[in-house]
PDB file of N, CA and C in Angstrom:
ATOM      1  N   MET A   1      60.535 -53.786 -25.738  1.00  0.00           N
ATOM      2  CA  MET A   1      60.973 -52.585 -25.034  1.00  0.00           C
ATOM      3  C   MET A   1      59.805 -52.041 -24.231  1.00  0.00           C
ATOM      4  N   ASN A   2      60.037 -51.716 -23.013  1.00  0.00           N
ATOM      5  CA  ASN A   2      59.001 -51.153 -22.151  1.00  0.00           C
ATOM      6  C   ASN A   2      59.035 -49.633 -22.289  1.00  0.00           C
ATOM      7  N   THR A   3      58.030 -49.083 -22.962  1.00  0.00           N
ATOM      8  CA  THR A   3      58.005 -47.640 -23.224  1.00  0.00           C
ATOM      9  C   THR A   3      57.537 -46.828 -22.026  1.00  0.00           C
ATOM     10  N   LYS A   4      57.052 -47.484 -20.986  1.00  0.00           N
ATOM     11  CA  LYS A   4      56.567 -46.754 -19.817  1.00  0.00           C
ATOM     12  C   LYS A   4      57.713 -46.131 -19.031  1.00  0.00           C
ATOM     13  N   ASN A   5      58.929 -46.643 -19.179  1.00  0.00           N
ATOM     14  CA  ASN A   5      60.080 -46.115 -18.463  1.00  0.00           C
ATOM     15  C   ASN A   5      60.814 -45.029 -19.251  1.00  0.00           C
ATOM     16  N   ILE A   6      60.374 -44.756 -20.467  1.00  0.00           N
ATOM     17  CA  ILE A   6      61.017 -43.764 -21.323  1.00  0.00           C
ATOM     18  C   ILE A   6      60.098 -42.556 -21.425  1.00  0.00           C
ATOM     19  N   ASP A   7      60.622 -41.351 -21.226  1.00  0.00           N
ATOM     20  CA  ASP A   7      59.780 -40.166 -21.337  1.00  0.00           C
ATOM     21  C   ASP A   7      59.374 -39.939 -22.794  1.00  0.00           C
ATOM     22  N   SER A   8      58.332 -39.169 -23.004  1.00  0.00           N
ATOM     23  CA  SER A   8      57.750 -39.011 -24.334  1.00  0.00           C
ATOM     24  C   SER A   8      58.704 -38.341 -25.315  1.00  0.00           C
ATOM     25  N   ARG A   9      59.528 -37.425 -24.863  1.00  0.00           N
ATOM     26  CA  ARG A   9      60.467 -36.757 -25.772  1.00  0.00           C
ATOM     27  C   ARG A   9      61.506 -37.747 -26.284  1.00  0.00           C
ATOM     28  N   THR A  10      62.060 -38.546 -25.382  1.00  0.00           N
ATOM     29  CA  THR A  10      63.047 -39.546 -25.789  1.00  0.00           C
ATOM     30  C   THR A  10      62.416 -40.577 -26.709  1.00  0.00           C
ATOM     31  N   TRP A  11      61.206 -41.017 -26.379  1.00  0.00           N
ATOM     32  CA  TRP A  11      60.515 -41.995 -27.223  1.00  0.00           C
ATOM     33  C   TRP A  11      60.236 -41.410 -28.607  1.00  0.00           C
ATOM     34  N   GLY A  12      59.879 -40.132 -28.688  1.00  0.00           N
ATOM     35  CA  GLY A  12      59.644 -39.486 -29.979  1.00  0.00           C
ATOM     36  C   GLY A  12      60.897 -39.426 -30.827  1.00  0.00           C
ATOM     37  N   ILE A  13      62.004 -39.041 -30.225  1.00  0.00           N
ATOM     38  CA  ILE A  13      63.282 -38.976 -30.953  1.00  0.00           C
ATOM     39  C   ILE A  13      63.693 -40.363 -31.421  1.00  0.00           C
ATOM     40  N   LEU A  14      63.563 -41.345 -30.545  1.00  0.00           N
ATOM     41  CA  LEU A  14      63.913 -42.716 -30.898  1.00  0.00           C
ATOM     42  C   LEU A  14      63.034 -43.238 -32.033  1.00  0.00           C
ATOM     43  N   SER A  15      61.771 -42.914 -32.006  1.00  0.00           N
ATOM     44  CA  SER A  15      60.853 -43.344 -33.064  1.00  0.00           C
ATOM     45  C   SER A  15      61.237 -42.749 -34.417  1.00  0.00           C
ATOM     46  N   VAL A  16      61.604 -41.480 -34.433  1.00  0.00           N
ATOM     47  CA  VAL A  16      62.008 -40.830 -35.676  1.00  0.00           C
ATOM     48  C   VAL A  16      63.292 -41.456 -36.210  1.00  0.00           C
ATOM     49  N   LEU A  17      64.252 -41.734 -35.337  1.00  0.00           N
ATOM     50  CA  LEU A  17      65.502 -42.357 -35.761  1.00  0.00           C
ATOM     51  C   LEU A  17      65.274 -43.759 -36.322  1.00  0.00           C
ATOM     52  N   ILE A  18      64.439 -44.531 -35.669  1.00  0.00           N
ATOM     53  CA  ILE A  18      64.136 -45.880 -36.163  1.00  0.00           C
ATOM     54  C   ILE A  18      63.428 -45.813 -37.512  1.00  0.00           C
ATOM     55  N   ALA A  19      62.494 -44.883 -37.662  1.00  0.00           N
ATOM     56  CA  ALA A  19      61.776 -44.734 -38.936  1.00  0.00           C
ATOM     57  C   ALA A  19      62.731 -44.342 -40.058  1.00  0.00           C
ATOM     58  N   GLY A  20      63.629 -43.411 -39.788  1.00  0.00           N
ATOM     59  CA  GLY A  20      64.605 -42.999 -40.800  1.00  0.00           C
ATOM     60  C   GLY A  20      65.541 -44.128 -41.181  1.00  0.00           C
ATOM     61  N   PHE A  21      65.994 -44.877 -40.199  1.00  0.00           N
ATOM     62  CA  PHE A  21      66.860 -46.017 -40.460  1.00  0.00           C
ATOM     63  C   PHE A  21      66.137 -47.059 -41.308  1.00  0.00           C
ATOM     64  N   SER A  22      64.886 -47.330 -40.965  1.00  0.00           N
ATOM     65  CA  SER A  22      64.101 -48.316 -41.706  1.00  0.00           C
ATOM     66  C   SER A  22      63.854 -47.862 -43.145  1.00  0.00           C
ATOM     67  N   TRP A  23      63.581 -46.585 -43.321  1.00  0.00           N
ATOM     68  CA  TRP A  23      63.341 -46.044 -44.665  1.00  0.00           C
ATOM     69  C   TRP A  23      64.595 -46.197 -45.524  1.00  0.00           C
ATOM     70  N   GLY A  24      65.753 -45.915 -44.958  1.00  0.00           N
ATOM     71  CA  GLY A  24      66.997 -46.062 -45.704  1.00  0.00           C
ATOM     72  C   GLY A  24      67.342 -47.513 -45.973  1.00  0.00           C
ATOM     73  N   LEU A  25      67.035 -48.390 -45.043  1.00  0.00           N
ATOM     74  CA  LEU A  25      67.309 -49.811 -45.186  1.00  0.00           C
ATOM     75  C   LEU A  25      66.460 -50.437 -46.286  1.00  0.00           C
ATOM     76  N   MET A  26      65.330 -49.850 -46.552  1.00  0.00           N
ATOM     77  CA  MET A  26      64.413 -50.375 -47.558  1.00  0.00           C
ATOM     78  C   MET A  26      65.069 -50.453 -48.936  1.00  0.00           C
ATOM     79  N   GLU A  27      65.983 -49.554 -49.247  1.00  0.00           N
ATOM     80  CA  GLU A  27      66.638 -49.519 -50.557  1.00  0.00           C
ATOM     81  C   GLU A  27      67.390 -50.818 -50.846  1.00  0.00           C
ATOM     82  N   ILE A  28      67.976 -51.409 -49.825  1.00  0.00           N
ATOM     83  CA  ILE A  28      68.701 -52.669 -50.011  1.00  0.00           C
ATOM     84  C   ILE A  28      67.746 -53.748 -50.516  1.00  0.00           C
ATOM     85  N   PHE A  29      66.590 -53.834 -49.909  1.00  0.00           N
ATOM     86  CA  PHE A  29      65.619 -54.844 -50.300  1.00  0.00           C
ATOM     87  C   PHE A  29      65.013 -54.546 -51.668  1.00  0.00           C
ATOM     88  N   VAL A  30      64.767 -53.278 -51.961  1.00  0.00           N
ATOM     89  CA  VAL A  30      64.193 -52.905 -53.255  1.00  0.00           C
ATOM     90  C   VAL A  30      65.144 -53.278 -54.384  1.00  0.00           C
ATOM     91  N   ARG A  31      66.400 -52.978 -54.225  1.00  0.00           N
ATOM     92  CA  ARG A  31      67.379 -53.333 -55.268  1.00  0.00           C
ATOM     93  C   ARG A  31      67.457 -54.838 -55.467  1.00  0.00           C
ATOM     94  N   ALA A  32      67.452 -55.588 -54.375  1.00  0.00           N
ATOM     95  CA  ALA A  32      67.512 -57.048 -54.480  1.00  0.00           C
ATOM     96  C   ALA A  32      66.270 -57.601 -55.173  1.00  0.00           C
ATOM     97  N   LEU A  33      65.108 -57.076 -54.836  1.00  0.00           N
ATOM     98  CA  LEU A  33      63.875 -57.560 -55.444  1.00  0.00           C
ATOM     99  C   LEU A  33      63.792 -57.194 -56.920  1.00  0.00           C
ATOM    100  N   ILE A  34      64.263 -56.010 -57.284  1.00  0.00           N
ATOM    101  CA  ILE A  34      64.269 -55.617 -58.704  1.00  0.00           C
ATOM    102  C   ILE A  34      65.216 -56.513 -59.488  1.00  0.00           C
ATOM    103  N   SER A  35      66.357 -56.844 -58.900  1.00  0.00           N
ATOM    104  CA  SER A  35      67.301 -57.729 -59.599  1.00  0.00           C
ATOM    105  C   SER A  35      66.726 -59.140 -59.758  1.00  0.00           C
ATOM    106  N   LEU A  36      65.773 -59.515 -58.928  1.00  0.00           N
ATOM    107  CA  LEU A  36      65.109 -60.814 -59.055  1.00  0.00           C
ATOM    108  C   LEU A  36      63.940 -60.780 -60.042  1.00  0.00           C
ATOM    109  N   GLY A  37      63.648 -59.602 -60.591  1.00  0.00           N
ATOM    110  CA  GLY A  37      62.618 -59.491 -61.617  1.00  0.00           C
ATOM    111  C   GLY A  37      61.280 -58.936 -61.145  1.00  0.00           C
ATOM    112  N   PHE A  38      61.194 -58.502 -59.902  1.00  0.00           N
ATOM    113  CA  PHE A  38      59.940 -57.914 -59.421  1.00  0.00           C
ATOM    114  C   PHE A  38      59.777 -56.511 -59.980  1.00  0.00           C
ATOM    115  N   ARG A  39      58.531 -56.144 -60.273  1.00  0.00           N
ATOM    116  CA  ARG A  39      58.217 -54.803 -60.738  1.00  0.00           C
ATOM    117  C   ARG A  39      58.004 -53.895 -59.536  1.00  0.00           C
ATOM    118  N   PRO A  40      58.139 -52.579 -59.717  1.00  0.00           N
ATOM    119  CA  PRO A  40      57.901 -51.660 -58.597  1.00  0.00           C
ATOM    120  C   PRO A  40      56.512 -51.797 -57.972  1.00  0.00           C
ATOM    121  N   VAL A  41      55.502 -52.089 -58.790  1.00  0.00           N
ATOM    122  CA  VAL A  41      54.149 -52.261 -58.260  1.00  0.00           C
ATOM    123  C   VAL A  41      54.097 -53.496 -57.354  1.00  0.00           C
ATOM    124  N   ASP A  42      54.794 -54.558 -57.747  1.00  0.00           N
ATOM    125  CA  ASP A  42      54.851 -55.767 -56.919  1.00  0.00           C
ATOM    126  C   ASP A  42      55.515 -55.469 -55.579  1.00  0.00           C
ATOM    127  N   ILE A  43      56.591 -54.708 -55.621  1.00  0.00           N
ATOM    128  CA  ILE A  43      57.325 -54.365 -54.404  1.00  0.00           C
ATOM    129  C   ILE A  43      56.466 -53.498 -53.483  1.00  0.00           C
ATOM    130  N   ALA A  44      55.734 -52.565 -54.072  1.00  0.00           N
ATOM    131  CA  ALA A  44      54.844 -51.712 -53.270  1.00  0.00           C
ATOM    132  C   ALA A  44      53.762 -52.550 -52.601  1.00  0.00           C
ATOM    133  N   ALA A  45      53.229 -53.518 -53.322  1.00  0.00           N
ATOM    134  CA  ALA A  45      52.197 -54.386 -52.750  1.00  0.00           C
ATOM    135  C   ALA A  45      52.773 -55.230 -51.623  1.00  0.00           C
ATOM    136  N   MET A  46      53.974 -55.757 -51.814  1.00  0.00           N
ATOM    137  CA  MET A  46      54.607 -56.557 -50.759  1.00  0.00           C
ATOM    138  C   MET A  46      54.898 -55.706 -49.530  1.00  0.00           C
ATOM    139  N   ARG A  47      55.320 -54.477 -49.764  1.00  0.00           N
ATOM    140  CA  ARG A  47      55.613 -53.579 -48.644  1.00  0.00           C
ATOM    141  C   ARG A  47      54.351 -53.250 -47.854  1.00  0.00           C
ATOM    142  N   ALA A  48      53.267 -52.976 -48.557  1.00  0.00           N
ATOM    143  CA  ALA A  48      51.998 -52.671 -47.883  1.00  0.00           C
ATOM    144  C   ALA A  48      51.479 -53.892 -47.130  1.00  0.00           C
ATOM    145  N   LEU A  49      51.581 -55.072 -47.737  1.00  0.00           N
ATOM    146  CA  LEU A  49      51.132 -56.289 -47.077  1.00  0.00           C
ATOM    147  C   LEU A  49      51.987 -56.590 -45.847  1.00  0.00           C
ATOM    148  N   GLY A  50      53.298 -56.430 -45.979  1.00  0.00           N
ATOM    149  CA  GLY A  50      54.187 -56.658 -44.844  1.00  0.00           C
ATOM    150  C   GLY A  50      53.901 -55.707 -43.694  1.00  0.00           C
ATOM    151  N   ALA A  51      53.703 -54.451 -44.011  1.00  0.00           N
ATOM    152  CA  ALA A  51      53.392 -53.461 -42.975  1.00  0.00           C
ATOM    153  C   ALA A  51      52.053 -53.783 -42.307  1.00  0.00           C
ATOM    154  N   ALA A  52      51.060 -54.191 -43.101  1.00  0.00           N
ATOM    155  CA  ALA A  52      49.751 -54.535 -42.533  1.00  0.00           C
ATOM    156  C   ALA A  52      49.870 -55.734 -41.595  1.00  0.00           C
ATOM    157  N   LEU A  53      50.662 -56.721 -41.986  1.00  0.00           N
ATOM    158  CA  LEU A  53      50.828 -57.896 -41.128  1.00  0.00           C
ATOM    159  C   LEU A  53      51.551 -57.553 -39.833  1.00  0.00           C
ATOM    160  N   ILE A  54      52.612 -56.766 -39.925  1.00  0.00           N
ATOM    161  CA  ILE A  54      53.373 -56.399 -38.728  1.00  0.00           C
ATOM    162  C   ILE A  54      52.536 -55.515 -37.802  1.00  0.00           C
ATOM    163  N   LEU A  55      51.919 -54.481 -38.366  1.00  0.00           N
ATOM    164  CA  LEU A  55      51.108 -53.587 -37.534  1.00  0.00           C
ATOM    165  C   LEU A  55      49.870 -54.284 -36.999  1.00  0.00           C
ATOM    166  N   GLY A  56      49.230 -55.090 -37.837  1.00  0.00           N
ATOM    167  CA  GLY A  56      48.047 -55.810 -37.389  1.00  0.00           C
ATOM    168  C   GLY A  56      48.361 -56.772 -36.253  1.00  0.00           C
ATOM    169  N   SER A  57      49.474 -57.479 -36.372  1.00  0.00           N
ATOM    170  CA  SER A  57      49.886 -58.404 -35.306  1.00  0.00           C
ATOM    171  C   SER A  57      50.225 -57.646 -34.030  1.00  0.00           C
ATOM    172  N   SER A  58      50.979 -56.561 -34.169  1.00  0.00           N
ATOM    173  CA  SER A  58      51.367 -55.772 -33.002  1.00  0.00           C
ATOM    174  C   SER A  58      50.155 -55.197 -32.286  1.00  0.00           C
ATOM    175  N   PHE A  59      49.254 -54.611 -33.054  1.00  0.00           N
ATOM    176  CA  PHE A  59      48.061 -54.033 -32.447  1.00  0.00           C
ATOM    177  C   PHE A  59      47.161 -55.125 -31.886  1.00  0.00           C
ATOM    178  N   GLY A  60      47.111 -56.275 -32.552  1.00  0.00           N
ATOM    179  CA  GLY A  60      46.304 -57.373 -32.045  1.00  0.00           C
ATOM    180  C   GLY A  60      46.807 -57.894 -30.713  1.00  0.00           C
ATOM    181  N   LEU A  61      48.110 -57.861 -30.519  1.00  0.00           N
ATOM    182  CA  LEU A  61      48.686 -58.342 -29.265  1.00  0.00           C
ATOM    183  C   LEU A  61      48.631 -57.311 -28.145  1.00  0.00           C
ATOM    184  N   PHE A  62      48.918 -56.054 -28.484  1.00  0.00           N
ATOM    185  CA  PHE A  62      49.103 -55.044 -27.448  1.00  0.00           C
ATOM    186  C   PHE A  62      47.980 -54.007 -27.346  1.00  0.00           C
ATOM    187  N   TYR A  63      47.257 -53.758 -28.425  1.00  0.00           N
ATOM    188  CA  TYR A  63      46.232 -52.710 -28.433  1.00  0.00           C
ATOM    189  C   TYR A  63      44.944 -53.239 -29.065  1.00  0.00           C
ATOM    190  N   ARG A  64      44.353 -54.236 -28.466  1.00  0.00           N
ATOM    191  CA  ARG A  64      43.156 -54.866 -29.038  1.00  0.00           C
ATOM    192  C   ARG A  64      42.011 -53.880 -29.255  1.00  0.00           C
ATOM    193  N   ASP A  65      41.923 -52.851 -28.432  1.00  0.00           N
ATOM    194  CA  ASP A  65      40.839 -51.883 -28.572  1.00  0.00           C
ATOM    195  C   ASP A  65      40.905 -51.126 -29.891  1.00  0.00           C
ATOM    196  N   ALA A  66      42.076 -51.083 -30.529  1.00  0.00           N
ATOM    197  CA  ALA A  66      42.215 -50.371 -31.800  1.00  0.00           C
ATOM    198  C   ALA A  66      41.406 -51.040 -32.907  1.00  0.00           C
ATOM    199  N   PHE A  67      41.073 -52.314 -32.741  1.00  0.00           N
ATOM    200  CA  PHE A  67      40.308 -53.030 -33.760  1.00  0.00           C
ATOM    201  C   PHE A  67      38.800 -52.907 -33.588  1.00  0.00           C
ATOM    202  N   LYS A  68      38.357 -52.253 -32.546  1.00  0.00           N
ATOM    203  CA  LYS A  68      36.926 -52.092 -32.339  1.00  0.00           C
ATOM    204  C   LYS A  68      36.407 -50.987 -33.249  1.00  0.00           C
ATOM    205  N   LEU A  69      35.527 -51.375 -34.165  1.00  0.00           N
ATOM    206  CA  LEU A  69      34.965 -50.446 -35.138  1.00  0.00           C
ATOM    207  C   LEU A  69      33.449 -50.529 -35.107  1.00  0.00           C
ATOM    208  N   LYS A  70      32.834 -49.420 -35.326  1.00  0.00           N
ATOM    209  CA  LYS A  70      31.387 -49.422 -35.501  1.00  0.00           C
ATOM    210  C   LYS A  70      31.101 -49.776 -36.956  1.00  0.00           C
ATOM    211  N   LEU A  71      30.042 -50.486 -37.190  1.00  0.00           N
ATOM    212  CA  LEU A  71      29.696 -50.933 -38.532  1.00  0.00           C
ATOM    213  C   LEU A  71      29.584 -49.766 -39.512  1.00  0.00           C
ATOM    214  N   ARG A  72      29.074 -48.642 -39.050  1.00  0.00           N
ATOM    215  CA  ARG A  72      28.897 -47.479 -39.931  1.00  0.00           C
ATOM    216  C   ARG A  72      30.229 -46.831 -40.324  1.00  0.00           C
ATOM    217  N   ASP A  73      31.323 -47.138 -39.614  1.00  0.00           N
ATOM    218  CA  ASP A  73      32.625 -46.536 -39.902  1.00  0.00           C
ATOM    219  C   ASP A  73      33.517 -47.395 -40.796  1.00  0.00           C
ATOM    220  N   ILE A  74      33.056 -48.577 -41.174  1.00  0.00           N
ATOM    221  CA  ILE A  74      33.883 -49.481 -41.974  1.00  0.00           C
ATOM    222  C   ILE A  74      34.188 -48.884 -43.348  1.00  0.00           C
ATOM    223  N   TRP A  75      33.240 -48.206 -43.969  1.00  0.00           N
ATOM    224  CA  TRP A  75      33.488 -47.624 -45.294  1.00  0.00           C
ATOM    225  C   TRP A  75      34.609 -46.596 -45.232  1.00  0.00           C
ATOM    226  N   CYS A  76      34.652 -45.823 -44.156  1.00  0.00           N
ATOM    227  CA  CYS A  76      35.705 -44.817 -43.998  1.00  0.00           C
ATOM    228  C   CYS A  76      37.057 -45.496 -43.776  1.00  0.00           C
ATOM    229  N   MET A  77      37.056 -46.541 -43.003  1.00  0.00           N
ATOM    230  CA  MET A  77      38.285 -47.307 -42.770  1.00  0.00           C
ATOM    231  C   MET A  77      38.809 -47.878 -44.076  1.00  0.00           C
ATOM    232  N   ALA A  78      37.942 -48.465 -44.858  1.00  0.00           N
ATOM    233  CA  ALA A  78      38.353 -49.051 -46.135  1.00  0.00           C
ATOM    234  C   ALA A  78      38.828 -47.974 -47.103  1.00  0.00           C
ATOM    235  N   GLY A  79      38.081 -46.886 -47.196  1.00  0.00           N
ATOM    236  CA  GLY A  79      38.443 -45.832 -48.146  1.00  0.00           C
ATOM    237  C   GLY A  79      39.721 -45.105 -47.780  1.00  0.00           C
ATOM    238  N   CYS A  80      39.789 -44.648 -46.571  1.00  0.00           N
ATOM    239  CA  CYS A  80      40.956 -43.864 -46.141  1.00  0.00           C
ATOM    240  C   CYS A  80      42.153 -44.741 -45.811  1.00  0.00           C
ATOM    241  N   GLY A  81      41.911 -45.905 -45.288  1.00  0.00           N
ATOM    242  CA  GLY A  81      43.009 -46.763 -44.861  1.00  0.00           C
ATOM    243  C   GLY A  81      43.579 -47.596 -45.983  1.00  0.00           C
ATOM    244  N   ILE A  82      42.780 -48.489 -46.497  1.00  0.00           N
ATOM    245  CA  ILE A  82      43.287 -49.468 -47.453  1.00  0.00           C
ATOM    246  C   ILE A  82      43.507 -48.863 -48.834  1.00  0.00           C
ATOM    247  N   ILE A  83      42.486 -48.250 -49.397  1.00  0.00           N
ATOM    248  CA  ILE A  83      42.579 -47.752 -50.766  1.00  0.00           C
ATOM    249  C   ILE A  83      43.617 -46.639 -50.896  1.00  0.00           C
ATOM    250  N   SER A  84      43.648 -45.707 -49.958  1.00  0.00           N
ATOM    251  CA  SER A  84      44.618 -44.606 -50.065  1.00  0.00           C
ATOM    252  C   SER A  84      46.057 -45.104 -49.918  1.00  0.00           C
ATOM    253  N   ILE A  85      46.279 -46.095 -49.086  1.00  0.00           N
ATOM    254  CA  ILE A  85      47.626 -46.647 -48.932  1.00  0.00           C
ATOM    255  C   ILE A  85      48.056 -47.350 -50.208  1.00  0.00           C
ATOM    256  N   ILE A  86      47.162 -48.090 -50.830  1.00  0.00           N
ATOM    257  CA  ILE A  86      47.495 -48.768 -52.086  1.00  0.00           C
ATOM    258  C   ILE A  86      47.872 -47.748 -53.161  1.00  0.00           C
ATOM    259  N   PHE A  87      47.067 -46.713 -53.341  1.00  0.00           N
ATOM    260  CA  PHE A  87      47.384 -45.703 -54.357  1.00  0.00           C
ATOM    261  C   PHE A  87      48.643 -44.923 -54.019  1.00  0.00           C
ATOM    262  N   PHE A  88      48.869 -44.648 -52.755  1.00  0.00           N
ATOM    263  CA  PHE A  88      50.103 -43.960 -52.340  1.00  0.00           C
ATOM    264  C   PHE A  88      51.322 -44.784 -52.708  1.00  0.00           C
ATOM    265  N   ASN A  89      51.294 -46.070 -52.428  1.00  0.00           N
ATOM    266  CA  ASN A  89      52.432 -46.935 -52.721  1.00  0.00           C
ATOM    267  C   ASN A  89      52.645 -47.127 -54.216  1.00  0.00           C
ATOM    268  N   ILE A  90      51.582 -47.208 -54.971  1.00  0.00           N
ATOM    269  CA  ILE A  90      51.733 -47.380 -56.419  1.00  0.00           C
ATOM    270  C   ILE A  90      52.269 -46.101 -57.066  1.00  0.00           C
ATOM    271  N   CYS A  91      51.745 -44.957 -56.644  1.00  0.00           N
ATOM    272  CA  CYS A  91      52.196 -43.691 -57.240  1.00  0.00           C
ATOM    273  C   CYS A  91      53.585 -43.327 -56.760  1.00  0.00           C
TER     274      CYS A  91
END
């Protein structure tokens, strides 16, 4: 989708609708995975890994500058990004 032809208000509304739809759709997959014997912690880890792969690929293709980090900022990226997301998903 080319977002340059869509005004920011419409893009914002569309983004919220897609996020809500995706959040509700997640329940179907969670129930299926639980019935297959996965624990909630396993599902949270798979969800975080899946999101990292999708976002990482998307940003790698379209927003390469987002991956430019200064060496001194890596600890903040790891602490706030990775560790907080893991604890959020587990809790």
